[in-house]
Amino acid sequence: MLAAIVVSLAVVFVAELGDKSQLITMTYSLRHRWWVVLSGVGIAAMLVHGLSVAVGHFLGVTLPERPIAFVAAIAFLLFAVWTWRENGHDDEVRIAEPRFVVPAIVSSFVLAELGDKTMLATVALASEHSWAGVWIGATAGMVLADGAAIAAGRLMHRRLPERFLHGLASVLFLLFGLWLLFDSALGLRWVAVAVTASVTVAVLVIWLIRRRSAPVPSGAPQPSTRAS
């Protein structure tokens, strides 16, 4: 069992580095308290890898990837709209209550991870090693990897304006949803690349235009109008 824990932890931790779940975790950490995000990630990791262990060790069946990816895409698009509306609702950005945030984190993670390479790795490990060890190790590996993403998100939170970070979170949710819809659900990889790239460029252009047209703060020095 100890060997199964160590192997699963190492495999999942490495597989999670740079994966979309790390980006999702960082996106949530831009908007919510770190312990709320980590709690949601921990619950989601237990559910996802518990299902993986059941599939690999007890059932030996596969999951329908495209229907799950389609549901995940719709969920992320809804998260993008929700985040954007929260960002522009009040003058001061409010942090949502944990009772609403944790279910959102858990549901988005579970949907995003179903059929992912991390889950497939856990299924393979569970078919050859102790199921309990694989479950514990895989859950710990995902929490550790996504904990690093939370730390990166908190570092950004200290250095960048709150409203900018909330807008960034909304855009990232939009990109996740579009990628899952066109790539995983519809199987159109090049369309997914083109759409997400186009949306990214459009958002950058809009942000630059708004930044240039933004009013100068009242405390900022005004350019001199005296004749030389």
Protein backbone atom coordinates (compact mmCIF):
# COMPACT_ATOMS: atom_id res chain seq x y z
CA MET A 1 0.00 0.00 0.00
CA LEU A 2 2.85 2.40 0.80
CA ALA A 3 4.35 1.77 -2.62
CA ALA A 4 1.00 2.48 -4.25
CA ILE A 5 0.72 5.79 -2.36
CA VAL A 6 4.22 6.93 -3.34
CA VAL A 7 3.89 5.90 -7.00
CA SER A 8 0.43 7.44 -7.39
CA LEU A 9 1.47 10.67 -5.68
CA ALA A 10 4.50 11.07 -7.94
CA VAL A 11 2.63 10.19 -11.16
CA VAL A 12 -0.33 12.50 -10.48
CA PHE A 13 1.83 15.37 -9.23
CA VAL A 14 3.96 15.32 -12.39
CA ALA A 15 0.91 14.85 -14.64
CA GLU A 16 -0.81 17.87 -13.03
CA LEU A 17 2.11 20.25 -13.63
CA GLY A 18 0.99 22.66 -16.35
CA ASP A 19 -2.35 20.86 -16.74
CA LYS A 20 -5.65 22.71 -17.05
CA SER A 21 -6.59 21.89 -13.46
CA GLN A 22 -3.65 23.99 -12.24
CA LEU A 23 -4.84 26.88 -14.39
CA ILE A 24 -8.38 26.43 -13.09
CA THR A 25 -7.08 26.44 -9.51
CA MET A 26 -5.09 29.62 -10.12
CA THR A 27 -8.17 31.20 -11.70
CA TYR A 28 -10.27 30.49 -8.61
CA SER A 29 -7.49 31.71 -6.31
CA LEU A 30 -7.59 35.09 -8.07
CA ARG A 31 -11.12 35.59 -6.73
CA HIS A 32 -11.46 33.61 -3.50
CA ARG A 33 -9.62 32.85 -0.28
CA TRP A 34 -6.89 30.24 -0.60
CA TRP A 35 -8.36 27.90 2.02
CA VAL A 36 -11.74 27.91 0.27
CA VAL A 37 -10.13 26.99 -3.06
CA LEU A 38 -7.91 24.32 -1.48
CA SER A 39 -10.94 22.79 0.29
CA GLY A 40 -12.81 22.55 -3.00
CA VAL A 41 -9.78 21.07 -4.75
CA GLY A 42 -9.36 18.48 -2.00
CA ILE A 43 -13.00 17.37 -2.18
CA ALA A 44 -12.89 17.25 -5.99
CA ALA A 45 -9.64 15.26 -5.94
CA MET A 46 -11.15 12.69 -3.58
CA LEU A 47 -14.22 12.34 -5.80
CA VAL A 48 -12.36 12.18 -9.11
CA HIS A 49 -9.74 9.70 -7.96
CA GLY A 50 -12.29 7.69 -6.01
CA LEU A 51 -14.21 7.29 -9.26
CA SER A 52 -10.97 6.47 -11.10
CA VAL A 53 -10.15 3.74 -8.58
CA ALA A 54 -13.66 2.33 -8.88
CA VAL A 55 -13.42 2.32 -12.68
CA GLY A 56 -9.95 0.79 -12.78
CA HIS A 57 -10.11 -1.68 -9.92
CA PHE A 58 -13.75 -2.69 -9.58
CA LEU A 59 -15.66 -1.90 -12.77
CA GLY A 60 -13.18 -1.94 -15.64
CA VAL A 61 -15.38 0.32 -17.79
CA THR A 62 -14.77 3.54 -19.68
CA LEU A 63 -16.60 6.84 -19.36
CA PRO A 64 -18.27 8.68 -22.26
CA GLU A 65 -15.76 11.48 -22.82
CA ARG A 66 -17.59 13.75 -25.26
CA PRO A 67 -20.89 14.15 -23.35
CA ILE A 68 -18.93 14.90 -20.17
CA ALA A 69 -16.72 17.41 -22.00
CA PHE A 70 -19.81 19.13 -23.42
CA VAL A 71 -21.33 19.52 -19.94
CA ALA A 72 -17.99 20.80 -18.61
CA ALA A 73 -17.77 23.36 -21.42
CA ILE A 74 -21.24 24.71 -20.67
CA ALA A 75 -20.38 24.88 -16.97
CA PHE A 76 -17.23 26.93 -17.62
CA LEU A 77 -19.07 29.31 -19.93
CA LEU A 78 -21.65 29.85 -17.19
CA PHE A 79 -18.83 30.43 -14.67
CA ALA A 80 -17.39 33.06 -17.03
CA VAL A 81 -20.72 34.92 -17.17
CA TRP A 82 -21.19 34.64 -13.40
CA THR A 83 -17.68 35.95 -12.71
CA TRP A 84 -18.06 38.85 -15.15
CA ARG A 85 -21.41 39.91 -13.67
CA GLU A 86 -19.98 39.75 -10.14
CA ASN A 87 -17.04 41.88 -11.24
CA GLY A 88 -19.20 44.67 -12.63
CA HIS A 89 -22.04 44.54 -10.11
CA ASP A 90 -20.63 46.81 -7.43
CA ASP A 91 -17.93 49.43 -7.13
CA GLU A 92 -16.16 47.16 -4.64
CA VAL A 93 -15.52 43.58 -5.69
CA ARG A 94 -16.98 41.12 -3.23
CA ILE A 95 -15.64 37.68 -2.42
CA ALA A 96 -18.41 35.11 -2.75
CA GLU A 97 -19.41 33.05 0.25
CA PRO A 98 -17.72 29.64 0.63
CA ARG A 99 -21.08 27.83 0.57
CA PHE A 100 -21.47 28.89 -3.06
CA VAL A 101 -17.82 28.75 -4.10
CA VAL A 102 -16.90 25.27 -2.90
CA PRO A 103 -19.68 23.49 -4.86
CA ALA A 104 -18.69 25.49 -7.96
CA ILE A 105 -15.04 24.48 -7.57
CA VAL A 106 -15.89 20.83 -6.94
CA SER A 107 -18.30 20.56 -9.88
CA SER A 108 -15.97 22.31 -12.33
CA PHE A 109 -12.99 20.19 -11.29
CA VAL A 110 -14.88 16.92 -11.47
CA LEU A 111 -16.25 17.74 -14.93
CA ALA A 112 -12.87 18.96 -16.20
CA GLU A 113 -10.96 15.94 -14.89
CA LEU A 114 -13.30 13.19 -16.09
CA GLY A 115 -11.53 11.47 -18.96
CA ASP A 116 -8.38 13.58 -18.47
CA LYS A 117 -4.88 12.06 -18.57
CA THR A 118 -4.61 12.23 -14.78
CA MET A 119 -7.75 10.17 -14.35
CA LEU A 120 -6.61 7.67 -16.97
CA ALA A 121 -3.28 7.31 -15.13
CA THR A 122 -5.13 6.67 -11.86
CA VAL A 123 -7.34 4.06 -13.56
CA ALA A 124 -4.22 2.26 -14.83
CA LEU A 125 -2.51 2.38 -11.42
CA ALA A 126 -5.61 1.09 -9.64
CA SER A 127 -5.74 -1.93 -11.89
CA GLU A 128 -2.26 -3.01 -10.73
CA HIS A 129 -1.81 -1.65 -7.18
CA SER A 130 -3.72 -1.32 -3.92
CA TRP A 131 -6.85 0.72 -4.64
CA ALA A 132 -6.71 2.47 -1.27
CA GLY A 133 -3.07 3.43 -1.76
CA VAL A 134 -3.74 4.73 -5.27
CA TRP A 135 -6.70 6.77 -4.01
CA ILE A 136 -4.70 8.37 -1.18
CA GLY A 137 -1.60 9.01 -3.29
CA ALA A 138 -3.46 10.41 -6.30
CA THR A 139 -5.55 12.73 -4.11
CA ALA A 140 -2.45 13.99 -2.30
CA GLY A 141 -0.59 14.49 -5.59
CA MET A 142 -3.38 16.60 -7.07
CA VAL A 143 -3.76 18.71 -3.91
CA LEU A 144 0.01 19.38 -3.77
CA ALA A 145 0.22 20.34 -7.46
CA ASP A 146 -2.83 22.60 -7.26
CA GLY A 147 -1.57 24.06 -3.99
CA ALA A 148 1.41 25.40 -5.94
CA ALA A 149 -1.05 27.02 -8.38
CA ILE A 150 -2.89 28.62 -5.46
CA ALA A 151 0.42 30.08 -4.22
CA ALA A 152 1.03 31.56 -7.68
CA GLY A 153 -2.48 33.03 -7.71
CA ARG A 154 -1.99 34.62 -4.29
CA LEU A 155 1.29 36.14 -5.44
CA MET A 156 -0.52 37.72 -8.39
CA HIS A 157 -3.24 38.90 -6.02
CA ARG A 158 -0.72 40.95 -4.05
CA ARG A 159 0.79 42.57 -7.13
CA LEU A 160 -2.19 43.27 -9.42
CA PRO A 161 -5.43 45.26 -8.95
CA GLU A 162 -8.46 43.34 -7.66
CA ARG A 163 -10.81 44.29 -10.49
CA PHE A 164 -8.22 43.34 -13.13
CA LEU A 165 -7.81 39.90 -11.53
CA HIS A 166 -11.56 39.29 -11.49
CA GLY A 167 -11.79 40.24 -15.16
CA LEU A 168 -8.86 37.93 -15.90
CA ALA A 169 -10.63 35.08 -14.08
CA SER A 170 -13.74 35.61 -16.21
CA VAL A 171 -11.71 35.53 -19.45
CA LEU A 172 -9.88 32.36 -18.37
CA PHE A 173 -13.18 30.61 -17.63
CA LEU A 174 -14.40 31.67 -21.08
CA LEU A 175 -11.29 30.25 -22.74
CA PHE A 176 -11.57 26.98 -20.78
CA GLY A 177 -15.19 26.62 -21.85
CA LEU A 178 -14.49 27.32 -25.52
CA TRP A 179 -11.54 24.92 -25.60
CA LEU A 180 -13.50 22.09 -23.97
CA LEU A 181 -16.46 22.70 -26.29
CA PHE A 182 -14.57 22.67 -29.60
CA ASP A 183 -11.69 20.33 -28.74
CA SER A 184 -12.97 17.74 -26.27
CA ALA A 185 -16.71 17.78 -26.96
CA LEU A 186 -16.75 18.33 -30.75
CA GLY A 187 -13.27 16.99 -31.60
CA LEU A 188 -12.32 20.09 -33.64
CA ARG A 189 -8.79 20.81 -32.41
CA TRP A 190 -7.90 23.43 -35.04
CA VAL A 191 -11.20 25.24 -34.56
CA ALA A 192 -10.53 25.26 -30.80
CA VAL A 193 -7.07 26.76 -31.39
CA ALA A 194 -8.44 29.39 -33.77
CA VAL A 195 -11.38 30.37 -31.55
CA THR A 196 -9.42 30.60 -28.30
CA ALA A 197 -6.57 32.49 -30.01
CA SER A 198 -9.03 34.93 -31.60
CA VAL A 199 -10.81 35.54 -28.30
CA THR A 200 -7.46 36.08 -26.54
CA VAL A 201 -6.35 38.63 -29.14
CA ALA A 202 -9.74 40.39 -29.03
CA VAL A 203 -9.61 40.63 -25.23
CA LEU A 204 -6.06 42.04 -25.34
CA VAL A 205 -7.07 44.66 -27.92
CA ILE A 206 -10.14 45.69 -25.89
CA TRP A 207 -8.06 45.90 -22.72
CA LEU A 208 -5.41 48.07 -24.43
CA ILE A 209 -8.08 50.40 -25.85
CA ARG A 210 -9.79 50.76 -22.49
CA ARG A 211 -6.46 51.32 -20.77
CA ARG A 212 -5.56 54.13 -23.19
CA SER A 213 -8.98 55.77 -22.90
CA ALA A 214 -9.18 55.48 -19.10
CA PRO A 215 -9.42 58.85 -17.29
CA VAL A 216 -6.32 60.11 -15.51
CA PRO A 217 -6.65 59.78 -11.71
CA SER A 218 -7.24 63.08 -9.91
CA GLY A 219 -4.00 62.81 -7.96
CA ALA A 220 -1.87 62.24 -11.05
CA PRO A 221 0.25 65.18 -12.29
CA GLN A 222 -1.34 67.05 -15.20
CA PRO A 223 0.70 68.07 -18.22
CA SER A 224 1.77 71.72 -18.20
CA THR A 225 -0.08 74.11 -20.57
CA ARG A 226 2.11 77.21 -20.06
CA ALA A 227 3.87 78.66 -23.05
CA SER A 228 7.62 78.27 -22.90
